[in-house]
């Protein structure tokens, strides 16, 4: 099940989910690399600190994802995809899409999603 939400609502979503997220990058051998980061949103762009491996990964493969776990049991997680650029030890992520996702609450459905869309 999908429900579109405008990416302009990202600020409100982040107030709900908080500033701590999991950042996913891809390593040289194409394995996922996950870091726990503190995220800030300004001017439609997300920023977070980047360690050595995270920064190296994002510099070569800039398509990244951020995951905010569900605030409460049964609620939606927030997953955001974006294009990253590294500026020193700061990663800047321009959102390209986002979705709220949770396990299905209905036995006839395997997932329950609400995309965040950009006009």
PDB file of N, CA and C in Angstrom:
ATOM      1  N   UNK A   1       0.852  -1.171   0.000  1.00  0.00           N
ATOM      2  CA  UNK A   1       0.000   0.000   0.000  1.00  0.00           C
ATOM      3  C   UNK A   1       0.893   1.228   0.000  1.00  0.00           C
ATOM      4  N   UNK A   2       0.637   2.179  -0.885  1.00  0.00           N
ATOM      5  CA  UNK A   2       1.446   3.391  -0.996  1.00  0.00           C
ATOM      6  C   UNK A   2       0.596   4.643  -0.846  1.00  0.00           C
ATOM      7  N   UNK A   3       1.152   5.629  -0.167  1.00  0.00           N
ATOM      8  CA  UNK A   3       0.497   6.928   0.006  1.00  0.00           C
ATOM      9  C   UNK A   3       1.536   8.008  -0.259  1.00  0.00           C
ATOM     10  N   UNK A   4       1.449   8.740  -1.382  1.00  0.00           N
ATOM     11  CA  UNK A   4       2.461   9.753  -1.678  1.00  0.00           C
ATOM     12  C   UNK A   4       2.467  10.889  -0.659  1.00  0.00           C
ATOM     13  N   UNK A   5       3.670  11.316  -0.309  1.00  0.00           N
ATOM     14  CA  UNK A   5       3.867  12.470   0.565  1.00  0.00           C
ATOM     15  C   UNK A   5       4.941  13.328  -0.091  1.00  0.00           C
ATOM     16  N   UNK A   6       4.730  14.611  -0.196  1.00  0.00           N
ATOM     17  CA  UNK A   6       5.666  15.516  -0.860  1.00  0.00           C
ATOM     18  C   UNK A   6       6.969  15.631  -0.069  1.00  0.00           C
ATOM     19  N   UNK A   7       8.108  15.624  -0.768  1.00  0.00           N
ATOM     20  CA  UNK A   7       9.399  15.790  -0.097  1.00  0.00           C
ATOM     21  C   UNK A   7       9.500  17.131   0.624  1.00  0.00           C
ATOM     22  N   UNK A   8       8.653  18.086   0.259  1.00  0.00           N
ATOM     23  CA  UNK A   8       8.632  19.354   0.981  1.00  0.00           C
ATOM     24  C   UNK A   8       8.194  19.149   2.427  1.00  0.00           C
ATOM     25  N   UNK A   9       7.610  18.003   2.724  1.00  0.00           N
ATOM     26  CA  UNK A   9       7.188  17.676   4.081  1.00  0.00           C
ATOM     27  C   UNK A   9       8.290  16.978   4.867  1.00  0.00           C
ATOM     28  N   UNK A  10       9.492  16.908   4.294  1.00  0.00           N
ATOM     29  CA  UNK A  10      10.600  16.217   4.944  1.00  0.00           C
ATOM     30  C   UNK A  10      10.952  16.847   6.285  1.00  0.00           C
ATOM     31  N   UNK A  11      10.902  18.163   6.377  1.00  0.00           N
ATOM     32  CA  UNK A  11      11.205  18.844   7.633  1.00  0.00           C
ATOM     33  C   UNK A  11      10.286  18.351   8.753  1.00  0.00           C
ATOM     34  N   UNK A  12       8.995  18.258   8.471  1.00  0.00           N
ATOM     35  CA  UNK A  12       8.039  17.766   9.474  1.00  0.00           C
ATOM     36  C   UNK A  12       8.316  16.304   9.809  1.00  0.00           C
ATOM     37  N   UNK A  13       8.656  15.522   8.792  1.00  0.00           N
ATOM     38  CA  UNK A  13       8.950  14.104   9.025  1.00  0.00           C
ATOM     39  C   UNK A  13      10.168  13.954   9.935  1.00  0.00           C
ATOM     40  N   UNK A  14      11.189  14.763   9.708  1.00  0.00           N
ATOM     41  CA  UNK A  14      12.389  14.655  10.535  1.00  0.00           C
ATOM     42  C   UNK A  14      12.151  15.135  11.958  1.00  0.00           C
ATOM     43  N   UNK A  15      11.248  16.080  12.149  1.00  0.00           N
ATOM     44  CA  UNK A  15      10.888  16.463  13.526  1.00  0.00           C
ATOM     45  C   UNK A  15      10.264  15.264  14.236  1.00  0.00           C
ATOM     46  N   UNK A  16       9.512  14.471  13.518  1.00  0.00           N
ATOM     47  CA  UNK A  16       8.868  13.287  14.096  1.00  0.00           C
ATOM     48  C   UNK A  16       9.882  12.176  14.367  1.00  0.00           C
ATOM     49  N   UNK A  17      10.794  11.943  13.396  1.00  0.00           N
ATOM     50  CA  UNK A  17      11.720  10.814  13.492  1.00  0.00           C
ATOM     51  C   UNK A  17      13.007  11.143  14.242  1.00  0.00           C
ATOM     52  N   UNK A  18      13.335  12.405  14.365  1.00  0.00           N
ATOM     53  CA  UNK A  18      14.539  12.793  15.092  1.00  0.00           C
ATOM     54  C   UNK A  18      15.757  12.924  14.194  1.00  0.00           C
ATOM     55  N   UNK A  19      16.877  13.249  14.807  1.00  0.00           N
ATOM     56  CA  UNK A  19      18.087  13.550  14.046  1.00  0.00           C
ATOM     57  C   UNK A  19      19.041  12.366  13.907  1.00  0.00           C
ATOM     58  N   UNK A  20      18.720  11.231  14.503  1.00  0.00           N
ATOM     59  CA  UNK A  20      19.615  10.069  14.429  1.00  0.00           C
ATOM     60  C   UNK A  20      19.077   9.067  13.420  1.00  0.00           C
ATOM     61  N   UNK A  21      19.947   8.691  12.470  1.00  0.00           N
ATOM     62  CA  UNK A  21      19.554   7.771  11.403  1.00  0.00           C
ATOM     63  C   UNK A  21      20.706   6.821  11.104  1.00  0.00           C
ATOM     64  N   UNK A  22      20.412   5.803  10.319  1.00  0.00           N
ATOM     65  CA  UNK A  22      21.430   4.898   9.812  1.00  0.00           C
ATOM     66  C   UNK A  22      21.693   5.267   8.359  1.00  0.00           C
ATOM     67  N   UNK A  23      22.957   5.504   8.021  1.00  0.00           N
ATOM     68  CA  UNK A  23      23.380   5.869   6.673  1.00  0.00           C
ATOM     69  C   UNK A  23      23.966   4.642   5.992  1.00  0.00           C
ATOM     70  N   UNK A  24      23.462   4.344   4.799  1.00  0.00           N
ATOM     71  CA  UNK A  24      23.955   3.199   4.039  1.00  0.00           C
ATOM     72  C   UNK A  24      24.727   3.672   2.815  1.00  0.00           C
ATOM     73  N   UNK A  25      25.983   3.216   2.717  1.00  0.00           N
ATOM     74  CA  UNK A  25      26.812   3.457   1.547  1.00  0.00           C
ATOM     75  C   UNK A  25      27.226   2.096   0.998  1.00  0.00           C
ATOM     76  N   UNK A  26      27.923   2.111  -0.133  1.00  0.00           N
ATOM     77  CA  UNK A  26      28.370   0.864  -0.759  1.00  0.00           C
ATOM     78  C   UNK A  26      29.889   0.878  -0.861  1.00  0.00           C
ATOM     79  N   UNK A  27      30.518  -0.206  -0.390  1.00  0.00           N
ATOM     80  CA  UNK A  27      31.978  -0.290  -0.384  1.00  0.00           C
ATOM     81  C   UNK A  27      32.518  -0.710  -1.751  1.00  0.00           C
ATOM     82  N   UNK A  28      33.844  -0.747  -1.873  1.00  0.00           N
ATOM     83  CA  UNK A  28      34.486  -1.110  -3.138  1.00  0.00           C
ATOM     84  C   UNK A  28      34.078  -2.492  -3.630  1.00  0.00           C
ATOM     85  N   UNK A  29      33.850  -3.422  -2.699  1.00  0.00           N
ATOM     86  CA  UNK A  29      33.441  -4.772  -3.108  1.00  0.00           C
ATOM     87  C   UNK A  29      31.917  -4.908  -3.185  1.00  0.00           C
ATOM     88  N   UNK A  30      31.230  -3.754  -3.213  1.00  0.00           N
ATOM     89  CA  UNK A  30      29.772  -3.645  -3.364  1.00  0.00           C
ATOM     90  C   UNK A  30      28.985  -4.184  -2.176  1.00  0.00           C
ATOM     91  N   UNK A  31      29.648  -4.315  -1.039  1.00  0.00           N
ATOM     92  CA  UNK A  31      28.935  -4.691   0.188  1.00  0.00           C
ATOM     93  C   UNK A  31      28.375  -3.425   0.837  1.00  0.00           C
ATOM     94  N   UNK A  32      27.233  -3.548   1.494  1.00  0.00           N
ATOM     95  CA  UNK A  32      26.686  -2.378   2.182  1.00  0.00           C
ATOM     96  C   UNK A  32      27.534  -2.017   3.404  1.00  0.00           C
ATOM     97  N   UNK A  33      27.617  -0.736   3.672  1.00  0.00           N
ATOM     98  CA  UNK A  33      28.294  -0.222   4.861  1.00  0.00           C
ATOM     99  C   UNK A  33      27.288   0.676   5.568  1.00  0.00           C
ATOM    100  N   UNK A  34      27.064   0.422   6.859  1.00  0.00           N
ATOM    101  CA  UNK A  34      26.050   1.159   7.613  1.00  0.00           C
ATOM    102  C   UNK A  34      26.711   1.912   8.755  1.00  0.00           C
ATOM    103  N   UNK A  35      26.366   3.188   8.877  1.00  0.00           N
ATOM    104  CA  UNK A  35      26.866   4.045   9.951  1.00  0.00           C
ATOM    105  C   UNK A  35      25.684   4.685  10.664  1.00  0.00           C
ATOM    106  N   UNK A  36      25.836   4.888  11.967  1.00  0.00           N
ATOM    107  CA  UNK A  36      24.829   5.612  12.738  1.00  0.00           C
ATOM    108  C   UNK A  36      25.260   7.073  12.751  1.00  0.00           C
ATOM    109  N   UNK A  37      24.406   7.968  12.243  1.00  0.00           N
ATOM    110  CA  UNK A  37      24.789   9.371  12.066  1.00  0.00           C
ATOM    111  C   UNK A  37      23.761  10.314  12.687  1.00  0.00           C
ATOM    112  N   UNK A  38      24.193  11.532  12.927  1.00  0.00           N
ATOM    113  CA  UNK A  38      23.308  12.612  13.345  1.00  0.00           C
ATOM    114  C   UNK A  38      23.100  13.510  12.132  1.00  0.00           C
ATOM    115  N   UNK A  39      21.835  13.707  11.761  1.00  0.00           N
ATOM    116  CA  UNK A  39      21.471  14.384  10.517  1.00  0.00           C
ATOM    117  C   UNK A  39      20.863  15.751  10.815  1.00  0.00           C
ATOM    118  N   UNK A  40      21.212  16.729   9.982  1.00  0.00           N
ATOM    119  CA  UNK A  40      20.576  18.048  10.022  1.00  0.00           C
ATOM    120  C   UNK A  40      20.005  18.334   8.642  1.00  0.00           C
ATOM    121  N   UNK A  41      18.873  19.035   8.608  1.00  0.00           N
ATOM    122  CA  UNK A  41      18.235  19.423   7.351  1.00  0.00           C
ATOM    123  C   UNK A  41      18.255  20.941   7.251  1.00  0.00           C
ATOM    124  N   UNK A  42      18.783  21.444   6.129  1.00  0.00           N
ATOM    125  CA  UNK A  42      18.784  22.891   5.874  1.00  0.00           C
ATOM    126  C   UNK A  42      18.735  23.103   4.370  1.00  0.00           C
ATOM    127  N   UNK A  43      17.816  23.939   3.934  1.00  0.00           N
ATOM    128  CA  UNK A  43      17.718  24.253   2.516  1.00  0.00           C
ATOM    129  C   UNK A  43      17.431  23.051   1.639  1.00  0.00           C
ATOM    130  N   UNK A  44      16.703  22.084   2.175  1.00  0.00           N
ATOM    131  CA  UNK A  44      16.359  20.895   1.405  1.00  0.00           C
ATOM    132  C   UNK A  44      17.472  19.872   1.305  1.00  0.00           C
ATOM    133  N   UNK A  45      18.608  20.124   1.967  1.00  0.00           N
ATOM    134  CA  UNK A  45      19.740  19.209   1.933  1.00  0.00           C
ATOM    135  C   UNK A  45      20.013  18.682   3.329  1.00  0.00           C
ATOM    136  N   UNK A  46      20.360  17.400   3.412  1.00  0.00           N
ATOM    137  CA  UNK A  46      20.715  16.777   4.677  1.00  0.00           C
ATOM    138  C   UNK A  46      22.226  16.774   4.823  1.00  0.00           C
ATOM    139  N   UNK A  47      22.708  16.993   6.028  1.00  0.00           N
ATOM    140  CA  UNK A  47      24.139  16.890   6.290  1.00  0.00           C
ATOM    141  C   UNK A  47      24.365  15.996   7.494  1.00  0.00           C
ATOM    142  N   UNK A  48      25.508  15.308   7.489  1.00  0.00           N
ATOM    143  CA  UNK A  48      25.906  14.476   8.618  1.00  0.00           C
ATOM    144  C   UNK A  48      27.417  14.299   8.563  1.00  0.00           C
ATOM    145  N   UNK A  49      27.991  13.893   9.662  1.00  0.00           N
ATOM    146  CA  UNK A  49      29.409  13.589   9.683  1.00  0.00           C
ATOM    147  C   UNK A  49      29.682  12.320   8.895  1.00  0.00           C
ATOM    148  N   UNK A  50      30.891  12.236   8.343  1.00  0.00           N
ATOM    149  CA  UNK A  50      31.283  11.046   7.586  1.00  0.00           C
ATOM    150  C   UNK A  50      32.660  10.600   8.050  1.00  0.00           C
ATOM    151  N   UNK A  51      32.733   9.360   8.504  1.00  0.00           N
ATOM    152  CA  UNK A  51      34.020   8.781   8.855  1.00  0.00           C
ATOM    153  C   UNK A  51      34.813   8.437   7.598  1.00  0.00           C
ATOM    154  N   UNK A  52      36.000   7.885   7.803  1.00  0.00           N
ATOM    155  CA  UNK A  52      36.903   7.576   6.701  1.00  0.00           C
ATOM    156  C   UNK A  52      36.270   6.655   5.672  1.00  0.00           C
ATOM    157  N   UNK A  53      35.706   5.527   6.100  1.00  0.00           N
ATOM    158  CA  UNK A  53      35.130   4.550   5.166  1.00  0.00           C
ATOM    159  C   UNK A  53      33.854   5.086   4.514  1.00  0.00           C
ATOM    160  N   UNK A  54      32.987   5.694   5.311  1.00  0.00           N
ATOM    161  CA  UNK A  54      31.744   6.262   4.774  1.00  0.00           C
ATOM    162  C   UNK A  54      32.051   7.327   3.729  1.00  0.00           C
ATOM    163  N   UNK A  55      32.979   8.218   4.037  1.00  0.00           N
ATOM    164  CA  UNK A  55      33.353   9.269   3.099  1.00  0.00           C
ATOM    165  C   UNK A  55      33.948   8.715   1.818  1.00  0.00           C
ATOM    166  N   UNK A  56      34.826   7.720   1.955  1.00  0.00           N
ATOM    167  CA  UNK A  56      35.437   7.106   0.769  1.00  0.00           C
ATOM    168  C   UNK A  56      34.375   6.434  -0.094  1.00  0.00           C
ATOM    169  N   UNK A  57      33.467   5.712   0.544  1.00  0.00           N
ATOM    170  CA  UNK A  57      32.396   5.037  -0.203  1.00  0.00           C
ATOM    171  C   UNK A  57      31.540   6.044  -0.963  1.00  0.00           C
ATOM    172  N   UNK A  58      31.093   7.084  -0.277  1.00  0.00           N
ATOM    173  CA  UNK A  58      30.185   8.060  -0.890  1.00  0.00           C
ATOM    174  C   UNK A  58      30.877   8.870  -1.984  1.00  0.00           C
ATOM    175  N   UNK A  59      32.180   9.059  -1.868  1.00  0.00           N
ATOM    176  CA  UNK A  59      32.909   9.796  -2.901  1.00  0.00           C
ATOM    177  C   UNK A  59      32.917   9.047  -4.230  1.00  0.00           C
ATOM    178  N   UNK A  60      32.975   7.719  -4.162  1.00  0.00           N
ATOM    179  CA  UNK A  60      33.042   6.897  -5.376  1.00  0.00           C
ATOM    180  C   UNK A  60      31.654   6.456  -5.840  1.00  0.00           C
ATOM    181  N   UNK A  61      30.777   6.165  -4.880  1.00  0.00           N
ATOM    182  CA  UNK A  61      29.408   5.723  -5.177  1.00  0.00           C
ATOM    183  C   UNK A  61      28.459   6.620  -4.383  1.00  0.00           C
ATOM    184  N   UNK A  62      28.066   7.763  -4.967  1.00  0.00           N
ATOM    185  CA  UNK A  62      27.336   8.787  -4.213  1.00  0.00           C
ATOM    186  C   UNK A  62      25.862   8.488  -3.937  1.00  0.00           C
ATOM    187  N   UNK A  63      25.311   7.421  -4.493  1.00  0.00           N
ATOM    188  CA  UNK A  63      23.909   7.100  -4.181  1.00  0.00           C
ATOM    189  C   UNK A  63      23.868   6.417  -2.818  1.00  0.00           C
ATOM    190  N   UNK A  64      23.214   7.073  -1.851  1.00  0.00           N
ATOM    191  CA  UNK A  64      23.160   6.594  -0.473  1.00  0.00           C
ATOM    192  C   UNK A  64      21.706   6.492  -0.020  1.00  0.00           C
ATOM    193  N   UNK A  65      21.523   5.842   1.111  1.00  0.00           N
ATOM    194  CA  UNK A  65      20.200   5.776   1.741  1.00  0.00           C
ATOM    195  C   UNK A  65      20.352   6.068   3.223  1.00  0.00           C
ATOM    196  N   UNK A  66      19.312   6.666   3.792  1.00  0.00           N
ATOM    197  CA  UNK A  66      19.230   6.903   5.231  1.00  0.00           C
ATOM    198  C   UNK A  66      17.979   6.217   5.752  1.00  0.00           C
ATOM    199  N   UNK A  67      18.091   5.611   6.929  1.00  0.00           N
ATOM    200  CA  UNK A  67      16.963   4.916   7.552  1.00  0.00           C
ATOM    201  C   UNK A  67      16.757   5.441   8.961  1.00  0.00           C
ATOM    202  N   UNK A  68      15.541   5.906   9.233  1.00  0.00           N
ATOM    203  CA  UNK A  68      15.119   6.256  10.584  1.00  0.00           C
ATOM    204  C   UNK A  68      14.173   5.151  11.037  1.00  0.00           C
ATOM    205  N   UNK A  69      14.509   4.422  12.110  1.00  0.00           N
ATOM    206  CA  UNK A  69      13.607   3.369  12.588  1.00  0.00           C
ATOM    207  C   UNK A  69      12.261   3.942  13.032  1.00  0.00           C
ATOM    208  N   UNK A  70      11.267   3.087  13.052  1.00  0.00           N
ATOM    209  CA  UNK A  70       9.933   3.485  13.510  1.00  0.00           C
ATOM    210  C   UNK A  70      10.029   4.000  14.946  1.00  0.00           C
ATOM    211  N   UNK A  71       9.391   5.144  15.241  1.00  0.00           N
ATOM    212  CA  UNK A  71       9.429   5.684  16.599  1.00  0.00           C
ATOM    213  C   UNK A  71       8.763   4.763  17.626  1.00  0.00           C
ATOM    214  N   UNK A  72       7.734   4.057  17.201  1.00  0.00           N
ATOM    215  CA  UNK A  72       6.992   3.156  18.088  1.00  0.00           C
ATOM    216  C   UNK A  72       6.671   1.869  17.341  1.00  0.00           C
ATOM    217  N   UNK A  73       6.506   0.792  18.058  1.00  0.00           N
ATOM    218  CA  UNK A  73       6.108  -0.495  17.474  1.00  0.00           C
ATOM    219  C   UNK A  73       4.855  -0.322  16.618  1.00  0.00           C
ATOM    220  N   UNK A  74       4.881  -0.861  15.409  1.00  0.00           N
ATOM    221  CA  UNK A  74       3.731  -0.797  14.515  1.00  0.00           C
ATOM    222  C   UNK A  74       3.664   0.455  13.658  1.00  0.00           C
ATOM    223  N   UNK A  75       4.547   1.429  13.920  1.00  0.00           N
ATOM    224  CA  UNK A  75       4.575   2.646  13.112  1.00  0.00           C
ATOM    225  C   UNK A  75       5.532   2.474  11.934  1.00  0.00           C
ATOM    226  N   UNK A  76       5.564   3.465  11.058  1.00  0.00           N
ATOM    227  CA  UNK A  76       6.404   3.433   9.869  1.00  0.00           C
ATOM    228  C   UNK A  76       7.845   3.836  10.178  1.00  0.00           C
ATOM    229  N   UNK A  77       8.794   3.171   9.523  1.00  0.00           N
ATOM    230  CA  UNK A  77      10.174   3.650   9.442  1.00  0.00           C
ATOM    231  C   UNK A  77      10.226   4.640   8.291  1.00  0.00           C
ATOM    232  N   UNK A  78      11.239   5.479   8.264  1.00  0.00           N
ATOM    233  CA  UNK A  78      11.441   6.412   7.163  1.00  0.00           C
ATOM    234  C   UNK A  78      12.726   6.027   6.441  1.00  0.00           C
ATOM    235  N   UNK A  79      12.639   5.805   5.130  1.00  0.00           N
ATOM    236  CA  UNK A  79      13.799   5.476   4.306  1.00  0.00           C
ATOM    237  C   UNK A  79      13.929   6.567   3.252  1.00  0.00           C
ATOM    238  N   UNK A  80      15.105   7.172   3.175  1.00  0.00           N
ATOM    239  CA  UNK A  80      15.345   8.258   2.232  1.00  0.00           C
ATOM    240  C   UNK A  80      16.536   7.901   1.346  1.00  0.00           C
ATOM    241  N   UNK A  81      16.382   8.053   0.044  1.00  0.00           N
ATOM    242  CA  UNK A  81      17.479   7.885  -0.907  1.00  0.00           C
ATOM    243  C   UNK A  81      17.972   9.262  -1.315  1.00  0.00           C
ATOM    244  N   UNK A  82      19.263   9.352  -1.611  1.00  0.00           N
ATOM    245  CA  UNK A  82      19.794  10.637  -2.033  1.00  0.00           C
ATOM    246  C   UNK A  82      21.142  10.523  -2.712  1.00  0.00           C
ATOM    247  N   UNK A  83      21.573  11.648  -3.246  1.00  0.00           N
ATOM    248  CA  UNK A  83      22.882  11.777  -3.881  1.00  0.00           C
ATOM    249  C   UNK A  83      23.787  12.539  -2.926  1.00  0.00           C
ATOM    250  N   UNK A  84      24.939  11.939  -2.605  1.00  0.00           N
ATOM    251  CA  UNK A  84      25.834  12.501  -1.600  1.00  0.00           C
ATOM    252  C   UNK A  84      27.061  13.148  -2.225  1.00  0.00           C
ATOM    253  N   UNK A  85      27.527  14.191  -1.570  1.00  0.00           N
ATOM    254  CA  UNK A  85      28.821  14.794  -1.886  1.00  0.00           C
ATOM    255  C   UNK A  85      29.569  14.964  -0.574  1.00  0.00           C
ATOM    256  N   UNK A  86      30.869  14.766  -0.626  1.00  0.00           N
ATOM    257  CA  UNK A  86      31.700  14.872   0.566  1.00  0.00           C
ATOM    258  C   UNK A  86      32.402  16.224   0.580  1.00  0.00           C
ATOM    259  N   UNK A  87      32.294  16.920   1.710  1.00  0.00           N
ATOM    260  CA  UNK A  87      32.951  18.209   1.903  1.00  0.00           C
ATOM    261  C   UNK A  87      33.763  18.093   3.187  1.00  0.00           C
ATOM    262  N   UNK A  88      35.028  17.718   3.072  1.00  0.00           N
ATOM    263  CA  UNK A  88      35.845  17.453   4.256  1.00  0.00           C
ATOM    264  C   UNK A  88      35.346  16.199   4.945  1.00  0.00           C
ATOM    265  N   UNK A  89      34.891  16.348   6.186  1.00  0.00           N
ATOM    266  CA  UNK A  89      34.323  15.198   6.894  1.00  0.00           C
ATOM    267  C   UNK A  89      32.807  15.325   7.040  1.00  0.00           C
ATOM    268  N   UNK A  90      32.196  16.173   6.205  1.00  0.00           N
ATOM    269  CA  UNK A  90      30.740  16.354   6.205  1.00  0.00           C
ATOM    270  C   UNK A  90      30.166  15.804   4.910  1.00  0.00           C
ATOM    271  N   UNK A  91      29.154  14.972   5.046  1.00  0.00           N
ATOM    272  CA  UNK A  91      28.457  14.426   3.888  1.00  0.00           C
ATOM    273  C   UNK A  91      27.197  15.246   3.668  1.00  0.00           C
ATOM    274  N   UNK A  92      27.000  15.710   2.448  1.00  0.00           N
ATOM    275  CA  UNK A  92      25.803  16.467   2.074  1.00  0.00           C
ATOM    276  C   UNK A  92      24.961  15.579   1.167  1.00  0.00           C
ATOM    277  N   UNK A  93      23.713  15.371   1.549  1.00  0.00           N
ATOM    278  CA  UNK A  93      22.830  14.466   0.811  1.00  0.00           C
ATOM    279  C   UNK A  93      21.648  15.250   0.255  1.00  0.00           C
ATOM    280  N   UNK A  94      21.511  15.219  -1.065  1.00  0.00           N
ATOM    281  CA  UNK A  94      20.357  15.813  -1.731  1.00  0.00           C
ATOM    282  C   UNK A  94      19.313  14.722  -1.898  1.00  0.00           C
ATOM    283  N   UNK A  95      18.148  14.840  -1.249  1.00  0.00           N
ATOM    284  CA  UNK A  95      17.134  13.786  -1.338  1.00  0.00           C
ATOM    285  C   UNK A  95      16.634  13.586  -2.772  1.00  0.00           C
ATOM    286  N   UNK A  96      16.501  12.325  -3.169  1.00  0.00           N
ATOM    287  CA  UNK A  96      15.929  11.987  -4.476  1.00  0.00           C
ATOM    288  C   UNK A  96      14.603  11.246  -4.330  1.00  0.00           C
ATOM    289  N   UNK A  97      14.320  10.732  -3.152  1.00  0.00           N
ATOM    290  CA  UNK A  97      13.062  10.036  -2.899  1.00  0.00           C
ATOM    291  C   UNK A  97      13.042   9.526  -1.472  1.00  0.00           C
ATOM    292  N   UNK A  98      11.855   9.281  -0.972  1.00  0.00           N
ATOM    293  CA  UNK A  98      11.724   8.767   0.389  1.00  0.00           C
ATOM    294  C   UNK A  98      10.414   8.016   0.513  1.00  0.00           C
ATOM    295  N   UNK A  99      10.391   7.110   1.482  1.00  0.00           N
ATOM    296  CA  UNK A  99       9.199   6.302   1.691  1.00  0.00           C
ATOM    297  C   UNK A  99       9.079   5.974   3.176  1.00  0.00           C
ATOM    298  N   UNK A 100       7.865   5.944   3.647  1.00  0.00           N
ATOM    299  CA  UNK A 100       7.591   5.410   4.984  1.00  0.00           C
ATOM    300  C   UNK A 100       7.247   3.943   4.779  1.00  0.00           C
ATOM    301  N   UNK A 101       7.843   3.079   5.599  1.00  0.00           N
ATOM    302  CA  UNK A 101       7.700   1.640   5.378  1.00  0.00           C
ATOM    303  C   UNK A 101       7.512   0.925   6.713  1.00  0.00           C
ATOM    304  N   UNK A 102       6.667  -0.095   6.698  1.00  0.00           N
ATOM    305  CA  UNK A 102       6.498  -0.939   7.890  1.00  0.00           C
ATOM    306  C   UNK A 102       6.063  -2.321   7.443  1.00  0.00           C
ATOM    307  N   UNK A 103       6.257  -3.316   8.302  1.00  0.00           N
ATOM    308  CA  UNK A 103       5.718  -4.638   7.984  1.00  0.00           C
ATOM    309  C   UNK A 103       4.201  -4.544   7.857  1.00  0.00           C
ATOM    310  N   UNK A 104       3.656  -5.337   6.986  1.00  0.00           N
ATOM    311  CA  UNK A 104       2.208  -5.294   6.751  1.00  0.00           C
ATOM    312  C   UNK A 104       1.446  -5.690   8.004  1.00  0.00           C
ATOM    313  N   UNK A 105       0.360  -4.975   8.259  1.00  0.00           N
ATOM    314  CA  UNK A 105      -0.502  -5.313   9.389  1.00  0.00           C
ATOM    315  C   UNK A 105      -1.646  -6.210   8.945  1.00  0.00           C
ATOM    316  N   UNK A 106      -1.765  -6.396   7.638  1.00  0.00           N
ATOM    317  CA  UNK A 106      -2.824  -7.211   7.049  1.00  0.00           C
ATOM    318  C   UNK A 106      -2.196  -8.496   6.520  1.00  0.00           C
ATOM    319  N   UNK A 107      -2.718  -9.682   6.864  1.00  0.00           N
ATOM    320  CA  UNK A 107      -2.112 -10.932   6.405  1.00  0.00           C
ATOM    321  C   UNK A 107      -2.123 -11.103   4.883  1.00  0.00           C
ATOM    322  N   UNK A 108      -2.944 -10.356   4.159  1.00  0.00           N
ATOM    323  CA  UNK A 108      -2.981 -10.455   2.701  1.00  0.00           C
ATOM    324  C   UNK A 108      -1.950  -9.543   2.030  1.00  0.00           C
ATOM    325  N   UNK A 109      -1.167  -8.829   2.814  1.00  0.00           N
ATOM    326  CA  UNK A 109      -0.213  -7.862   2.281  1.00  0.00           C
ATOM    327  C   UNK A 109       1.145  -8.129   2.928  1.00  0.00           C
ATOM    328  N   UNK A 110       2.230  -8.047   2.150  1.00  0.00           N
ATOM    329  CA  UNK A 110       3.550  -8.314   2.719  1.00  0.00           C
ATOM    330  C   UNK A 110       4.264  -7.059   3.207  1.00  0.00           C
ATOM    331  N   UNK A 111       3.915  -5.890   2.667  1.00  0.00           N
ATOM    332  CA  UNK A 111       4.514  -4.634   3.119  1.00  0.00           C
ATOM    333  C   UNK A 111       3.471  -3.535   3.100  1.00  0.00           C
ATOM    334  N   UNK A 112       3.748  -2.475   3.803  1.00  0.00           N
ATOM    335  CA  UNK A 112       2.852  -1.325   3.877  1.00  0.00           C
ATOM    336  C   UNK A 112       3.726  -0.085   3.735  1.00  0.00           C
ATOM    337  N   UNK A 113       3.610   0.648   2.622  1.00  0.00           N
ATOM    338  CA  UNK A 113       4.517   1.756   2.313  1.00  0.00           C
ATOM    339  C   UNK A 113       3.767   3.043   2.031  1.00  0.00           C
ATOM    340  N   UNK A 114       4.410   4.163   2.340  1.00  0.00           N
ATOM    341  CA  UNK A 114       3.916   5.493   1.995  1.00  0.00           C
ATOM    342  C   UNK A 114       5.073   6.264   1.379  1.00  0.00           C
ATOM    343  N   UNK A 115       5.133   6.411   0.046  1.00  0.00           N
ATOM    344  CA  UNK A 115       6.239   7.159  -0.557  1.00  0.00           C
ATOM    345  C   UNK A 115       6.170   8.648  -0.234  1.00  0.00           C
ATOM    346  N   UNK A 116       7.330   9.252  -0.049  1.00  0.00           N
ATOM    347  CA  UNK A 116       7.460  10.702  -0.001  1.00  0.00           C
ATOM    348  C   UNK A 116       7.879  11.084  -1.406  1.00  0.00           C
ATOM    349  N   UNK A 117       7.146  11.943  -2.063  1.00  0.00           N
ATOM    350  CA  UNK A 117       7.433  12.269  -3.454  1.00  0.00           C
ATOM    351  C   UNK A 117       7.892  13.705  -3.582  1.00  0.00           C
ATOM    352  N   UNK A 118       8.485  14.010  -4.708  1.00  0.00           N
ATOM    353  CA  UNK A 118       8.963  15.363  -4.980  1.00  0.00           C
ATOM    354  C   UNK A 118       8.284  15.845  -6.243  1.00  0.00           C
ATOM    355  N   UNK A 119       7.610  16.994  -6.152  1.00  0.00           N
ATOM    356  CA  UNK A 119       6.907  17.543  -7.316  1.00  0.00           C
ATOM    357  C   UNK A 119       7.861  17.938  -8.403  1.00  0.00           C
TER     358      UNK A 119
END
